[in-house]
N, C-alpha and C. Protein backbone atom coordinates (compact mmCIF):
# COMPACT_ATOMS: atom_id res chain seq x y z
N MET A 1 106.11 121.14 64.22
CA MET A 1 106.24 121.81 65.44
C MET A 1 105.54 120.96 66.56
N GLY A 2 106.25 120.69 67.83
CA GLY A 2 105.54 120.00 68.90
C GLY A 2 104.93 121.01 69.72
N GLU A 3 103.96 120.59 70.75
CA GLU A 3 103.36 121.35 71.49
C GLU A 3 104.48 122.17 72.37
N PRO A 4 103.99 123.23 72.92
CA PRO A 4 104.93 124.00 73.72
C PRO A 4 105.38 123.28 75.15
N SER A 5 106.37 123.59 75.69
CA SER A 5 106.54 122.99 77.19
C SER A 5 105.33 123.63 78.20
N PRO A 6 105.07 122.59 79.05
CA PRO A 6 103.97 123.06 80.03
C PRO A 6 104.70 123.94 81.04
N ARG A 7 105.91 124.09 81.05
CA ARG A 7 106.57 125.19 82.20
C ARG A 7 107.46 126.04 81.56
N GLY A 8 107.11 127.44 81.83
CA GLY A 8 108.01 128.41 81.26
C GLY A 8 107.91 128.53 79.84
N THR A 9 108.83 129.25 79.11
CA THR A 9 108.75 129.53 77.66
C THR A 9 109.73 128.56 77.06
N THR A 10 110.55 127.58 77.57
CA THR A 10 111.47 126.89 77.09
C THR A 10 110.69 125.72 76.31
N SER A 11 110.75 125.54 75.03
CA SER A 11 110.16 124.44 74.20
C SER A 11 111.33 123.56 73.60
N ARG A 12 112.28 124.31 73.05
CA ARG A 12 113.37 123.65 72.06
C ARG A 12 114.53 123.38 72.81
N ILE A 13 115.05 122.19 73.05
CA ILE A 13 116.21 121.94 73.75
C ILE A 13 117.11 121.12 72.91
N LEU A 14 118.38 121.61 72.81
CA LEU A 14 119.51 121.01 71.91
C LEU A 14 120.34 120.20 72.88
N VAL A 15 120.46 118.84 72.75
CA VAL A 15 121.31 118.05 73.66
C VAL A 15 122.30 117.76 72.98
N VAL A 16 123.52 117.92 73.66
CA VAL A 16 125.17 117.89 72.98
C VAL A 16 125.97 116.82 73.74
N ASP A 17 126.07 115.41 73.10
CA ASP A 17 126.86 114.42 73.95
C ASP A 17 127.30 113.47 73.06
N ASP A 18 128.42 112.73 73.15
CA ASP A 18 128.86 111.85 72.38
C ASP A 18 128.59 110.46 72.90
N GLU A 19 127.82 110.33 73.80
CA GLU A 19 127.50 108.95 74.19
C GLU A 19 125.92 108.68 73.76
N PRO A 20 125.66 107.63 72.75
CA PRO A 20 124.52 107.47 71.95
C PRO A 20 123.30 107.24 73.01
N GLN A 21 123.74 106.52 74.19
CA GLN A 21 122.70 106.11 75.15
C GLN A 21 122.18 107.08 75.73
N ILE A 22 122.97 108.30 76.15
CA ILE A 22 122.64 109.40 76.81
C ILE A 22 121.72 110.29 75.95
N LEU A 23 122.04 110.52 74.48
CA LEU A 23 121.27 111.34 73.83
C LEU A 23 119.89 110.55 73.68
N ARG A 24 119.90 109.07 73.32
CA ARG A 24 118.66 108.57 73.34
C ARG A 24 117.90 108.80 74.40
N ALA A 25 118.36 108.34 75.76
CA ALA A 25 117.75 108.53 76.87
C ALA A 25 117.10 109.98 77.17
N LEU A 26 117.94 110.98 76.97
CA LEU A 26 117.28 112.55 77.20
C LEU A 26 116.27 112.70 75.87
N ARG A 27 116.68 112.29 74.65
CA ARG A 27 115.62 112.60 73.71
C ARG A 27 114.14 112.03 73.93
N ILE A 28 114.06 110.73 74.48
CA ILE A 28 112.81 110.07 74.95
C ILE A 28 112.07 110.78 76.30
N ASN A 29 112.98 111.26 77.05
CA ASN A 29 112.63 111.74 78.44
C ASN A 29 112.10 113.19 78.02
N LEU A 30 112.77 113.89 77.53
CA LEU A 30 112.36 115.25 77.25
C LEU A 30 111.16 115.29 76.20
N ALA A 31 111.21 114.57 75.19
CA ALA A 31 109.95 114.44 74.36
C ALA A 31 108.85 114.11 75.03
N ALA A 32 108.92 113.29 76.11
CA ALA A 32 107.74 112.77 76.88
C ALA A 32 107.05 113.96 77.75
N ARG A 33 108.10 114.95 78.06
CA ARG A 33 107.29 116.18 78.73
C ARG A 33 107.17 117.23 77.73
N ARG A 34 106.85 116.92 76.46
CA ARG A 34 106.49 117.96 75.45
C ARG A 34 107.50 118.94 75.09
N TYR A 35 108.67 118.63 75.24
CA TYR A 35 109.91 119.41 74.72
C TYR A 35 110.18 119.00 73.43
N GLU A 36 110.42 119.88 72.47
CA GLU A 36 111.13 119.48 71.18
C GLU A 36 112.67 119.47 71.30
N VAL A 37 112.97 118.45 70.78
CA VAL A 37 114.46 117.93 71.13
C VAL A 37 115.24 117.78 69.82
N GLU A 38 116.36 118.40 69.56
CA GLU A 38 117.22 118.13 68.63
C GLU A 38 118.55 117.56 69.56
N VAL A 39 119.45 116.55 68.82
CA VAL A 39 120.75 116.06 69.45
C VAL A 39 121.93 116.25 68.49
N ALA A 40 123.08 116.41 69.13
CA ALA A 40 124.44 116.66 68.44
C ALA A 40 125.40 115.89 69.14
N PRO A 41 126.11 115.04 68.32
CA PRO A 41 127.38 114.05 68.91
C PRO A 41 128.59 114.72 68.92
N ASP A 42 128.75 116.03 68.53
CA ASP A 42 129.78 116.70 68.66
C ASP A 42 129.74 118.31 68.67
N GLY A 43 130.75 118.88 68.93
CA GLY A 43 130.76 120.46 69.10
C GLY A 43 130.44 121.04 67.95
N SER A 44 131.13 120.64 66.78
CA SER A 44 130.64 121.37 65.29
C SER A 44 129.11 121.30 65.02
N ALA A 45 128.65 119.97 65.13
CA ALA A 45 127.37 119.88 64.94
C ALA A 45 126.54 120.48 65.80
N ALA A 46 126.77 120.76 67.03
CA ALA A 46 126.07 121.51 68.05
C ALA A 46 125.99 123.00 67.74
N LEU A 47 127.19 123.50 67.25
CA LEU A 47 127.22 124.96 66.90
C LEU A 47 126.34 125.38 65.60
N ARG A 48 126.34 124.27 64.73
CA ARG A 48 125.63 124.46 63.33
C ARG A 48 124.24 124.12 63.73
N LEU A 49 123.96 123.34 64.41
CA LEU A 49 122.37 123.08 64.95
C LEU A 49 121.78 124.45 65.63
N ALA A 50 122.55 124.83 66.55
CA ALA A 50 122.21 125.95 67.30
C ALA A 50 121.87 127.15 66.25
N ALA A 51 122.74 127.61 65.41
CA ALA A 51 122.54 128.39 64.46
C ALA A 51 121.45 128.22 63.64
N GLU A 52 121.01 127.19 63.08
CA GLU A 52 120.04 126.69 62.35
C GLU A 52 118.52 126.74 62.98
N TRP A 53 118.71 126.05 64.12
CA TRP A 53 117.30 125.66 64.89
C TRP A 53 117.19 126.74 66.16
N HIS A 54 117.82 127.25 66.59
CA HIS A 54 117.73 128.59 67.57
C HIS A 54 117.07 127.73 68.77
N PRO A 55 117.42 126.87 69.57
CA PRO A 55 117.04 126.29 70.90
C PRO A 55 116.82 127.33 71.83
N ASP A 56 115.88 126.95 72.70
CA ASP A 56 115.54 127.63 73.75
C ASP A 56 116.47 127.42 75.02
N LEU A 57 117.17 126.17 74.79
CA LEU A 57 118.08 125.87 75.99
C LEU A 57 119.11 124.73 75.42
N VAL A 58 120.34 124.61 75.95
CA VAL A 58 121.26 123.91 75.32
C VAL A 58 121.90 122.99 76.67
N VAL A 59 121.66 121.61 76.46
CA VAL A 59 122.34 120.74 77.43
C VAL A 59 123.61 120.24 76.79
N LEU A 60 124.96 120.42 77.36
CA LEU A 60 126.13 120.36 76.59
C LEU A 60 127.02 119.55 77.47
N ASP A 61 127.48 118.38 77.03
CA ASP A 61 128.53 117.83 77.54
C ASP A 61 129.75 118.40 77.41
N LEU A 62 130.77 118.55 78.44
CA LEU A 62 131.90 119.06 78.19
C LEU A 62 133.05 118.40 77.68
N GLY A 63 133.01 116.89 77.62
CA GLY A 63 133.81 116.03 76.98
C GLY A 63 133.60 115.54 75.60
N LEU A 64 133.70 116.50 74.78
CA LEU A 64 133.39 116.17 73.26
C LEU A 64 134.47 115.77 72.37
N PRO A 65 134.26 114.81 71.27
CA PRO A 65 135.48 114.38 70.42
C PRO A 65 135.95 115.28 69.81
N ASP A 66 135.41 116.39 69.32
CA ASP A 66 136.13 117.40 68.26
C ASP A 66 136.68 118.64 69.03
N MET A 67 135.97 118.92 69.95
CA MET A 67 136.57 120.26 70.75
C MET A 67 136.06 120.19 72.07
N ASP A 68 136.62 121.00 72.97
CA ASP A 68 136.31 121.05 74.43
C ASP A 68 134.87 121.84 74.43
N GLY A 69 134.01 121.28 75.42
CA GLY A 69 132.92 122.01 75.69
C GLY A 69 132.77 123.38 75.83
N VAL A 70 133.97 123.95 76.57
CA VAL A 70 134.04 125.32 76.74
C VAL A 70 134.30 126.07 75.68
N ASP A 71 134.72 125.47 74.51
CA ASP A 71 134.99 126.25 73.33
C ASP A 71 133.59 126.28 72.74
N VAL A 72 132.80 125.48 72.79
CA VAL A 72 131.55 125.56 72.30
C VAL A 72 130.59 126.67 73.04
N ILE A 73 130.82 126.42 74.44
CA ILE A 73 130.15 127.61 74.92
C ILE A 73 130.70 129.09 74.48
N HIS A 74 131.76 129.38 74.36
CA HIS A 74 132.38 130.57 73.89
C HIS A 74 131.91 130.75 72.38
N GLY A 75 131.63 129.64 71.72
CA GLY A 75 131.14 129.84 70.28
C GLY A 75 129.64 130.36 70.40
N LEU A 76 128.79 129.75 71.32
CA LEU A 76 127.56 130.24 71.51
C LEU A 76 127.50 131.62 71.96
N ARG A 77 128.25 131.85 73.16
CA ARG A 77 128.25 133.31 73.40
C ARG A 77 128.41 134.22 72.64
N GLY A 78 129.24 133.95 71.61
CA GLY A 78 129.53 135.06 70.68
C GLY A 78 128.39 135.66 69.97
N TRP A 79 127.12 134.89 70.17
CA TRP A 79 125.83 135.53 69.56
C TRP A 79 124.69 135.36 70.02
N THR A 80 124.69 134.36 70.97
CA THR A 80 123.34 134.11 71.86
C THR A 80 123.42 133.99 73.16
N SER A 81 122.21 134.45 74.14
CA SER A 81 122.36 134.17 75.48
C SER A 81 121.54 133.10 75.92
N VAL A 82 121.27 132.22 74.93
CA VAL A 82 120.38 130.93 75.42
C VAL A 82 121.17 130.21 76.71
N PRO A 83 120.22 129.91 77.52
CA PRO A 83 120.73 129.17 78.75
C PRO A 83 121.46 127.85 78.34
N ILE A 84 122.46 127.36 78.96
CA ILE A 84 123.42 126.42 78.77
C ILE A 84 123.57 125.70 80.22
N ILE A 85 123.19 124.35 80.00
CA ILE A 85 123.44 123.64 81.06
C ILE A 85 124.62 122.58 80.86
N VAL A 86 125.50 122.48 81.45
CA VAL A 86 126.59 121.63 81.22
C VAL A 86 126.55 120.29 81.85
N LEU A 87 127.09 119.37 81.20
CA LEU A 87 127.14 118.00 81.79
C LEU A 87 128.60 117.51 81.95
N SER A 88 129.17 117.18 82.99
CA SER A 88 130.52 116.83 83.36
C SER A 88 130.73 115.62 83.91
N GLY A 89 131.52 114.52 83.39
CA GLY A 89 131.91 113.39 83.95
C GLY A 89 133.53 113.37 84.50
N ARG A 90 134.09 114.65 84.47
CA ARG A 90 135.34 114.73 84.99
C ARG A 90 135.47 114.89 86.51
N PRO A 91 136.56 114.15 86.98
CA PRO A 91 136.50 114.62 88.44
C PRO A 91 137.10 116.12 88.72
N GLY A 92 136.79 116.50 90.01
CA GLY A 92 137.20 117.98 90.22
C GLY A 92 136.28 118.99 89.80
N SER A 93 136.62 120.14 90.27
CA SER A 93 135.59 121.37 89.73
C SER A 93 136.24 122.26 88.66
N SER A 94 137.49 122.05 88.46
CA SER A 94 138.08 123.13 87.62
C SER A 94 137.55 123.15 86.20
N ASP A 95 136.94 122.13 85.46
CA ASP A 95 136.32 122.15 84.30
C ASP A 95 134.80 122.79 84.46
N LYS A 96 134.16 122.75 85.51
CA LYS A 96 132.86 123.21 85.70
C LYS A 96 132.85 124.58 85.98
N VAL A 97 134.06 125.13 86.78
CA VAL A 97 134.40 126.70 86.86
C VAL A 97 134.68 127.33 85.52
N ASP A 98 135.49 126.70 84.76
CA ASP A 98 135.76 127.28 83.28
C ASP A 98 134.58 127.34 82.44
N ALA A 99 133.70 126.41 82.74
CA ALA A 99 132.34 126.54 81.98
C ALA A 99 131.43 127.75 82.24
N LEU A 100 131.46 127.66 83.75
CA LEU A 100 130.54 128.92 84.36
C LEU A 100 131.06 130.22 83.92
N ASP A 101 132.59 130.28 84.06
CA ASP A 101 133.19 131.67 83.57
C ASP A 101 133.07 131.86 82.12
N ALA A 102 132.78 130.84 81.24
CA ALA A 102 132.70 130.96 79.79
C ALA A 102 131.11 131.64 79.52
N GLY A 103 130.28 131.19 80.55
CA GLY A 103 128.82 131.72 80.38
C GLY A 103 127.87 130.61 80.48
N ALA A 104 128.27 129.26 80.92
CA ALA A 104 127.23 128.42 81.28
C ALA A 104 126.33 129.13 82.42
N ASP A 105 125.16 128.38 82.53
CA ASP A 105 124.10 128.81 83.46
C ASP A 105 124.33 127.92 84.78
N ASP A 106 124.59 126.58 84.57
CA ASP A 106 124.55 125.64 85.44
C ASP A 106 125.08 124.25 85.12
N TYR A 107 125.26 123.36 86.04
CA TYR A 107 125.99 122.28 85.80
C TYR A 107 125.31 121.02 86.41
N VAL A 108 125.61 119.71 85.84
CA VAL A 108 125.10 118.54 86.27
C VAL A 108 126.25 117.56 86.09
N THR A 109 126.53 116.86 87.35
CA THR A 109 127.54 115.90 87.38
C THR A 109 127.10 114.47 86.70
N LYS A 110 127.88 113.95 86.01
CA LYS A 110 127.56 112.60 85.51
C LYS A 110 128.00 111.55 86.66
N PRO A 111 127.36 110.43 86.87
CA PRO A 111 126.03 110.18 86.52
C PRO A 111 125.02 110.79 87.04
N PHE A 112 123.94 111.16 86.22
CA PHE A 112 122.92 111.86 87.04
C PHE A 112 121.39 111.37 86.57
N GLY A 113 120.52 111.80 87.43
CA GLY A 113 119.10 111.34 87.33
C GLY A 113 118.51 112.19 86.35
N VAL A 114 117.46 111.69 85.43
CA VAL A 114 116.67 112.62 84.69
C VAL A 114 116.07 113.60 85.64
N ASP A 115 115.34 113.16 86.57
CA ASP A 115 114.59 114.04 87.55
C ASP A 115 115.63 115.36 87.63
N GLU A 116 116.73 114.88 88.22
CA GLU A 116 117.73 116.11 88.47
C GLU A 116 117.94 117.17 87.42
N LEU A 117 118.29 116.54 86.04
CA LEU A 117 118.43 117.32 85.02
C LEU A 117 117.12 118.32 84.64
N LEU A 118 116.09 117.74 84.78
CA LEU A 118 114.72 118.35 84.47
C LEU A 118 114.51 119.38 85.63
N ALA A 119 114.79 119.37 86.79
CA ALA A 119 114.71 120.26 87.77
C ALA A 119 115.63 121.43 87.56
N ARG A 120 116.81 121.12 87.02
CA ARG A 120 117.73 122.10 86.51
C ARG A 120 117.27 122.99 85.67
N ILE A 121 116.74 122.28 84.54
CA ILE A 121 116.12 122.82 83.12
C ILE A 121 115.06 123.96 83.69
N ARG A 122 114.16 123.40 84.43
CA ARG A 122 112.93 124.29 85.01
C ARG A 122 113.68 125.49 85.85
N ALA A 123 114.61 125.27 86.53
CA ALA A 123 115.15 126.54 87.48
C ALA A 123 115.78 127.44 86.68
N VAL A 124 116.63 126.92 85.56
CA VAL A 124 117.21 128.05 84.58
C VAL A 124 116.14 128.68 83.87
N THR A 125 115.25 127.89 83.40
CA THR A 125 114.15 128.64 82.66
C THR A 125 113.40 129.57 83.25
N ARG A 126 112.97 129.43 84.69
CA ARG A 126 112.53 130.39 85.48
C ARG A 126 113.31 131.81 85.41
N ARG A 127 114.86 131.52 85.72
CA ARG A 127 115.85 132.59 85.86
C ARG A 127 115.71 133.54 84.53
N THR A 128 115.66 132.71 83.59
CA THR A 128 116.04 133.35 82.42
C THR A 128 114.69 133.89 81.62
N GLU A 129 113.48 133.71 82.24
CA GLU A 129 112.29 134.29 81.72
C GLU A 129 112.34 136.00 81.98
N PRO A 130 111.83 136.52 80.93
CA PRO A 130 111.86 138.13 80.91
C PRO A 130 110.92 138.44 82.32
N LYS A 131 111.53 139.54 83.08
CA LYS A 131 110.87 139.68 84.34
C LYS A 131 110.45 141.33 84.15
N GLU A 132 109.57 141.76 84.73
CA GLU A 132 109.02 143.16 84.81
C GLU A 132 110.33 144.02 85.18
N THR A 133 110.49 145.39 84.31
CA THR A 133 111.43 146.22 84.53
C THR A 133 111.30 146.90 85.86
N GLY A 134 112.26 147.25 86.53
CA GLY A 134 112.27 147.93 87.76
C GLY A 134 112.01 147.06 88.91
N GLU A 135 112.05 145.81 88.80
CA GLU A 135 111.86 144.65 89.82
C GLU A 135 113.30 144.89 90.70
N SER A 136 113.20 145.25 92.03
CA SER A 136 114.57 145.46 92.60
C SER A 136 114.44 144.89 94.17
N LYS A 137 113.09 144.38 94.54
CA LYS A 137 112.97 144.10 95.77
C LYS A 137 113.12 142.35 95.74
N VAL A 138 113.90 141.86 96.76
CA VAL A 138 113.96 140.47 96.75
C VAL A 138 113.91 140.02 98.12
N LEU A 139 113.22 138.74 98.47
CA LEU A 139 113.13 138.51 99.73
C LEU A 139 114.19 137.37 100.04
N LEU A 140 114.99 137.62 101.22
CA LEU A 140 115.86 136.40 101.72
C LEU A 140 115.38 136.21 103.32
N GLY A 141 114.85 134.94 103.09
CA GLY A 141 114.11 134.50 104.37
C GLY A 141 113.13 135.63 104.79
N ASP A 142 113.14 135.96 105.85
CA ASP A 142 112.02 136.89 106.41
C ASP A 142 112.37 138.38 106.08
N LEU A 143 113.46 138.76 105.39
CA LEU A 143 114.03 139.99 104.98
C LEU A 143 113.66 140.34 103.70
N GLU A 144 113.13 141.77 103.45
CA GLU A 144 113.11 142.21 102.05
C GLU A 144 114.12 143.14 101.78
N ILE A 145 114.89 142.99 100.73
CA ILE A 145 116.03 143.62 100.38
C ILE A 145 115.80 144.56 99.18
N ASP A 146 115.81 145.73 99.30
CA ASP A 146 115.36 146.64 98.18
C ASP A 146 116.79 147.11 97.53
N LEU A 147 116.98 146.48 96.48
CA LEU A 147 118.46 146.78 95.61
C LEU A 147 118.64 148.03 95.06
N ALA A 148 117.61 148.61 94.82
CA ALA A 148 117.38 150.04 94.15
C ALA A 148 117.77 151.09 95.33
N ASN A 149 117.35 150.86 96.32
CA ASN A 149 117.48 151.84 97.42
C ASN A 149 118.50 151.56 98.41
N LYS A 150 119.06 150.26 98.34
CA LYS A 150 120.04 149.94 99.29
C LYS A 150 119.44 149.74 100.70
N THR A 151 118.20 149.35 100.84
CA THR A 151 117.77 149.10 102.32
C THR A 151 117.19 147.71 102.59
N ILE A 152 117.36 147.44 103.83
CA ILE A 152 117.03 146.07 104.18
C ILE A 152 115.83 146.19 105.27
N SER A 153 114.67 145.39 105.27
CA SER A 153 113.61 145.74 105.88
C SER A 153 113.88 145.79 107.58
N SER A 154 114.89 145.20 107.87
CA SER A 154 115.13 145.07 109.57
C SER A 154 116.15 146.06 109.83
N GLY A 155 116.52 146.95 108.94
CA GLY A 155 117.27 148.05 109.38
C GLY A 155 118.94 147.76 109.31
N VAL A 156 119.11 146.52 108.88
CA VAL A 156 120.48 146.04 108.63
C VAL A 156 121.29 146.97 107.71
N ARG A 157 122.54 147.24 108.08
CA ARG A 157 123.33 148.12 107.23
C ARG A 157 124.34 147.29 106.74
N LEU A 158 124.73 147.53 105.40
CA LEU A 158 125.71 146.89 104.60
C LEU A 158 126.61 147.88 104.16
N THR A 159 127.85 147.55 103.80
CA THR A 159 129.02 148.38 103.30
C THR A 159 128.90 148.20 101.90
N PRO A 160 129.52 149.34 101.18
CA PRO A 160 129.18 149.17 99.77
C PRO A 160 129.85 147.94 99.09
N THR A 161 130.93 147.35 99.54
CA THR A 161 131.23 146.06 98.91
C THR A 161 130.29 144.97 99.32
N GLU A 162 129.72 144.95 100.44
CA GLU A 162 128.74 144.19 100.79
C GLU A 162 127.42 144.12 99.94
N TRP A 163 127.08 145.47 99.75
CA TRP A 163 126.24 145.58 98.87
C TRP A 163 126.40 144.93 97.29
N HIS A 164 127.59 145.26 96.88
CA HIS A 164 128.00 144.69 95.57
C HIS A 164 127.83 143.31 95.41
N LEU A 165 128.62 142.68 96.44
CA LEU A 165 128.43 141.20 96.41
C LEU A 165 127.29 140.59 96.51
N LEU A 166 126.53 141.16 97.38
CA LEU A 166 125.19 140.59 97.57
C LEU A 166 124.16 140.76 96.36
N GLU A 167 124.35 141.94 95.74
CA GLU A 167 123.38 142.12 94.78
C GLU A 167 123.81 141.35 93.48
N ILE A 168 124.96 140.89 93.14
CA ILE A 168 125.35 139.89 92.16
C ILE A 168 124.57 138.54 92.35
N LEU A 169 124.78 137.98 93.66
CA LEU A 169 124.06 136.88 93.96
C LEU A 169 122.53 136.94 93.77
N LEU A 170 121.87 137.92 94.55
CA LEU A 170 120.45 138.17 94.38
C LEU A 170 119.92 138.38 92.96
N ARG A 171 120.57 138.95 92.07
CA ARG A 171 119.98 139.22 90.73
C ARG A 171 120.20 137.94 89.89
N ASN A 172 120.66 136.77 90.67
CA ASN A 172 120.81 135.38 89.77
C ASN A 172 120.42 134.44 90.81
N PRO A 173 119.21 134.59 91.27
CA PRO A 173 118.64 133.48 92.10
C PRO A 173 119.03 131.92 91.82
N GLY A 174 119.48 131.19 92.65
CA GLY A 174 119.57 129.63 92.14
C GLY A 174 120.75 129.25 91.29
N LYS A 175 121.19 130.47 90.90
CA LYS A 175 122.53 130.16 90.05
C LYS A 175 123.94 130.18 90.61
N LEU A 176 124.82 129.06 90.43
CA LEU A 176 126.10 129.13 90.92
C LEU A 176 126.85 130.16 90.30
N ILE A 177 127.48 131.01 91.15
CA ILE A 177 128.45 132.17 90.60
C ILE A 177 129.73 131.76 91.00
N SER A 178 130.63 131.96 90.01
CA SER A 178 131.87 131.29 90.30
C SER A 178 132.83 132.40 91.09
N GLN A 179 133.79 131.85 91.95
CA GLN A 179 134.60 132.60 92.63
C GLN A 179 135.39 133.59 91.74
N ARG A 180 135.75 133.35 90.55
CA ARG A 180 136.56 134.15 89.87
C ARG A 180 135.70 135.24 88.98
N HIS A 181 134.47 135.01 88.77
CA HIS A 181 133.36 136.13 88.47
C HIS A 181 133.18 136.95 89.61
N LEU A 182 132.85 136.45 90.99
CA LEU A 182 132.85 137.38 91.98
C LEU A 182 133.98 138.26 92.12
N LEU A 183 135.13 137.63 92.40
CA LEU A 183 136.21 138.47 92.49
C LEU A 183 136.54 139.44 91.49
N THR A 184 136.35 139.17 90.32
CA THR A 184 136.46 140.17 89.06
C THR A 184 135.54 141.49 89.20
N GLN A 185 134.35 141.03 89.55
CA GLN A 185 133.24 142.00 89.52
C GLN A 185 133.13 143.06 90.60
N VAL A 186 133.75 142.47 91.91
CA VAL A 186 133.68 143.20 93.06
C VAL A 186 135.02 143.97 93.28
N TRP A 187 136.11 143.08 92.99
CA TRP A 187 137.38 143.61 93.50
C TRP A 187 138.30 143.96 92.06
N GLY A 188 138.02 143.42 91.19
CA GLY A 188 138.90 143.49 89.92
C GLY A 188 139.83 142.34 89.66
N PRO A 189 140.30 142.51 88.32
CA PRO A 189 141.04 141.18 87.85
C PRO A 189 142.34 140.86 88.54
N ALA A 190 142.86 142.02 89.24
CA ALA A 190 143.90 141.70 90.20
C ALA A 190 143.90 140.87 91.57
N TYR A 191 142.62 140.71 91.68
CA TYR A 191 142.27 139.95 92.86
C TYR A 191 141.63 138.59 92.71
N LEU A 192 142.00 137.90 91.38
CA LEU A 192 141.70 136.57 91.12
C LEU A 192 141.91 135.56 92.07
N LYS A 193 143.18 135.87 92.74
CA LYS A 193 143.29 134.60 93.68
C LYS A 193 143.09 134.77 95.05
N GLU A 194 142.46 135.87 95.47
CA GLU A 194 142.13 136.39 96.70
C GLU A 194 141.00 135.73 97.30
N THR A 195 140.62 134.51 97.41
CA THR A 195 139.49 133.90 97.63
C THR A 195 139.13 134.10 99.22
N ASN A 196 140.32 134.52 99.81
CA ASN A 196 139.86 135.02 101.28
C ASN A 196 139.04 135.98 101.39
N TYR A 197 139.06 136.95 100.48
CA TYR A 197 138.37 138.17 100.53
C TYR A 197 136.79 137.77 100.43
N LEU A 198 136.41 136.79 99.47
CA LEU A 198 135.04 136.24 99.34
C LEU A 198 134.65 135.53 100.60
N ARG A 199 135.55 134.76 101.25
CA ARG A 199 135.10 133.93 102.42
C ARG A 199 135.01 134.90 103.74
N GLN A 200 135.52 136.08 103.73
CA GLN A 200 135.44 136.88 104.95
C GLN A 200 134.12 137.76 104.49
N TYR A 201 133.94 138.32 103.46
CA TYR A 201 132.88 138.85 103.13
C TYR A 201 131.53 138.07 103.24
N MET A 202 131.54 136.99 102.47
CA MET A 202 130.30 136.08 102.69
C MET A 202 129.91 135.72 104.41
N ALA A 203 131.18 135.50 105.09
CA ALA A 203 130.91 135.46 106.54
C ALA A 203 130.22 136.60 107.18
N GLN A 204 130.56 137.74 106.68
CA GLN A 204 129.86 139.01 107.20
C GLN A 204 128.60 139.09 106.92
N LEU A 205 128.35 138.76 105.59
CA LEU A 205 126.90 138.83 105.00
C LEU A 205 125.94 137.83 105.76
N ARG A 206 126.37 136.73 106.22
CA ARG A 206 125.71 135.61 106.70
C ARG A 206 125.46 136.01 108.26
N ARG A 207 126.25 136.61 108.88
CA ARG A 207 126.15 137.19 110.26
C ARG A 207 124.95 138.09 110.23
N LYS A 208 125.00 138.94 109.06
CA LYS A 208 123.91 140.09 109.19
C LYS A 208 122.69 139.64 108.52
N LEU A 209 122.44 138.57 107.76
CA LEU A 209 121.21 138.17 107.12
C LEU A 209 120.93 136.88 107.18
N GLU A 210 121.62 136.05 107.65
CA GLU A 210 121.09 134.72 107.94
C GLU A 210 120.66 134.38 109.43
N PRO A 211 119.59 133.61 109.66
CA PRO A 211 119.08 133.40 111.03
C PRO A 211 120.20 132.75 111.85
N ASN A 212 120.75 131.78 111.05
CA ASN A 212 121.79 130.75 111.66
C ASN A 212 123.17 131.06 110.81
N PRO A 213 124.05 131.78 110.97
CA PRO A 213 125.19 132.02 110.11
C PRO A 213 125.94 130.73 109.94
N GLY A 214 125.87 129.95 111.03
CA GLY A 214 126.78 128.58 110.90
C GLY A 214 126.18 127.66 110.04
N ARG A 215 124.74 127.67 109.59
CA ARG A 215 123.84 126.70 108.92
C ARG A 215 123.00 127.52 107.76
N PRO A 216 123.72 128.23 107.01
CA PRO A 216 123.08 129.07 106.18
C PRO A 216 122.04 128.40 105.32
N GLU A 217 120.90 129.20 104.96
CA GLU A 217 119.81 128.73 104.13
C GLU A 217 119.75 129.28 102.70
N HIS A 218 120.36 130.51 102.63
CA HIS A 218 120.20 131.08 101.41
C HIS A 218 121.52 131.75 100.98
N LEU A 219 122.57 131.92 101.40
CA LEU A 219 124.02 132.28 100.89
C LEU A 219 124.75 130.97 101.19
N LEU A 220 124.63 130.18 99.99
CA LEU A 220 125.32 128.96 100.11
C LEU A 220 126.65 128.97 99.46
N THR A 221 127.51 128.16 99.92
CA THR A 221 128.88 127.93 99.48
C THR A 221 128.96 126.44 98.56
N GLU A 222 129.50 126.61 97.31
CA GLU A 222 129.80 125.25 96.64
C GLU A 222 131.47 125.18 96.87
N PRO A 223 131.92 124.31 97.74
CA PRO A 223 133.38 124.42 97.90
C PRO A 223 134.19 124.29 96.69
N GLY A 224 135.18 125.21 96.41
CA GLY A 224 136.27 125.23 95.44
C GLY A 224 135.49 125.66 94.26
N MET A 225 134.17 126.18 93.93
CA MET A 225 133.47 126.56 92.89
C MET A 225 132.95 127.97 92.95
N GLY A 226 132.17 128.24 93.90
CA GLY A 226 131.42 129.41 94.17
C GLY A 226 130.50 129.68 95.24
N TYR A 227 129.52 130.54 94.77
CA TYR A 227 128.33 130.70 95.68
C TYR A 227 127.12 130.80 95.08
N ARG A 228 125.97 130.51 95.85
CA ARG A 228 124.62 130.48 95.13
C ARG A 228 123.68 131.30 96.02
N PHE A 229 122.79 131.93 95.72
CA PHE A 229 121.72 132.51 96.53
C PHE A 229 120.37 131.58 96.24
N GLN A 230 120.05 131.04 97.49
CA GLN A 230 118.91 130.07 97.39
C GLN A 230 117.80 130.86 97.75
N PRO A 231 116.75 131.12 97.08
CA PRO A 231 115.64 131.88 97.78
C PRO A 231 114.85 131.09 98.76
């Protein structure tokens, strides 16, 4: 057994990629930072290793030789909530959206720097660490938002729909939440194509909560993909 990670509780990382040079580079860089690392060249090996080794986090390439990375996510999510960061070299955003909707926690686009991946690993680890029960107050800039009592320190009032949308984002700080997930959770499956709803409500939330709604610092848009709350 290796020494535990110096940050958070994540110590075991499973890296899944069919490019030997990426596996080698990540194994060296992660081990240098005191993570325990296992590698898998395809989806079948990844699912087998995950079941045997129980990693604390999975770094998963979506373009695998034997199965789609999204299918690997579904396989993992059938029995574990382990954080998953996907790697994608494909153009466009549809594959990343599918991965997020399948249960991935974040993504990094190839080519990527090791420092960028390490930052995502630390961020995902912080988000998935156990938190004290009952924690319901979140800071958004200078505002304190009490999700349990539905109050905001400045006296700003939100509609029930605005609260529902805001709560999903605030309870997942730093995580990219896909448009599909937000539409399904707030309005229902029949509204999957109504992205104009999201744009309208996000604009309203920014007007009420952001100091400069035209240049938001906390309620961020990732075009074509979704939205992210940046504390």
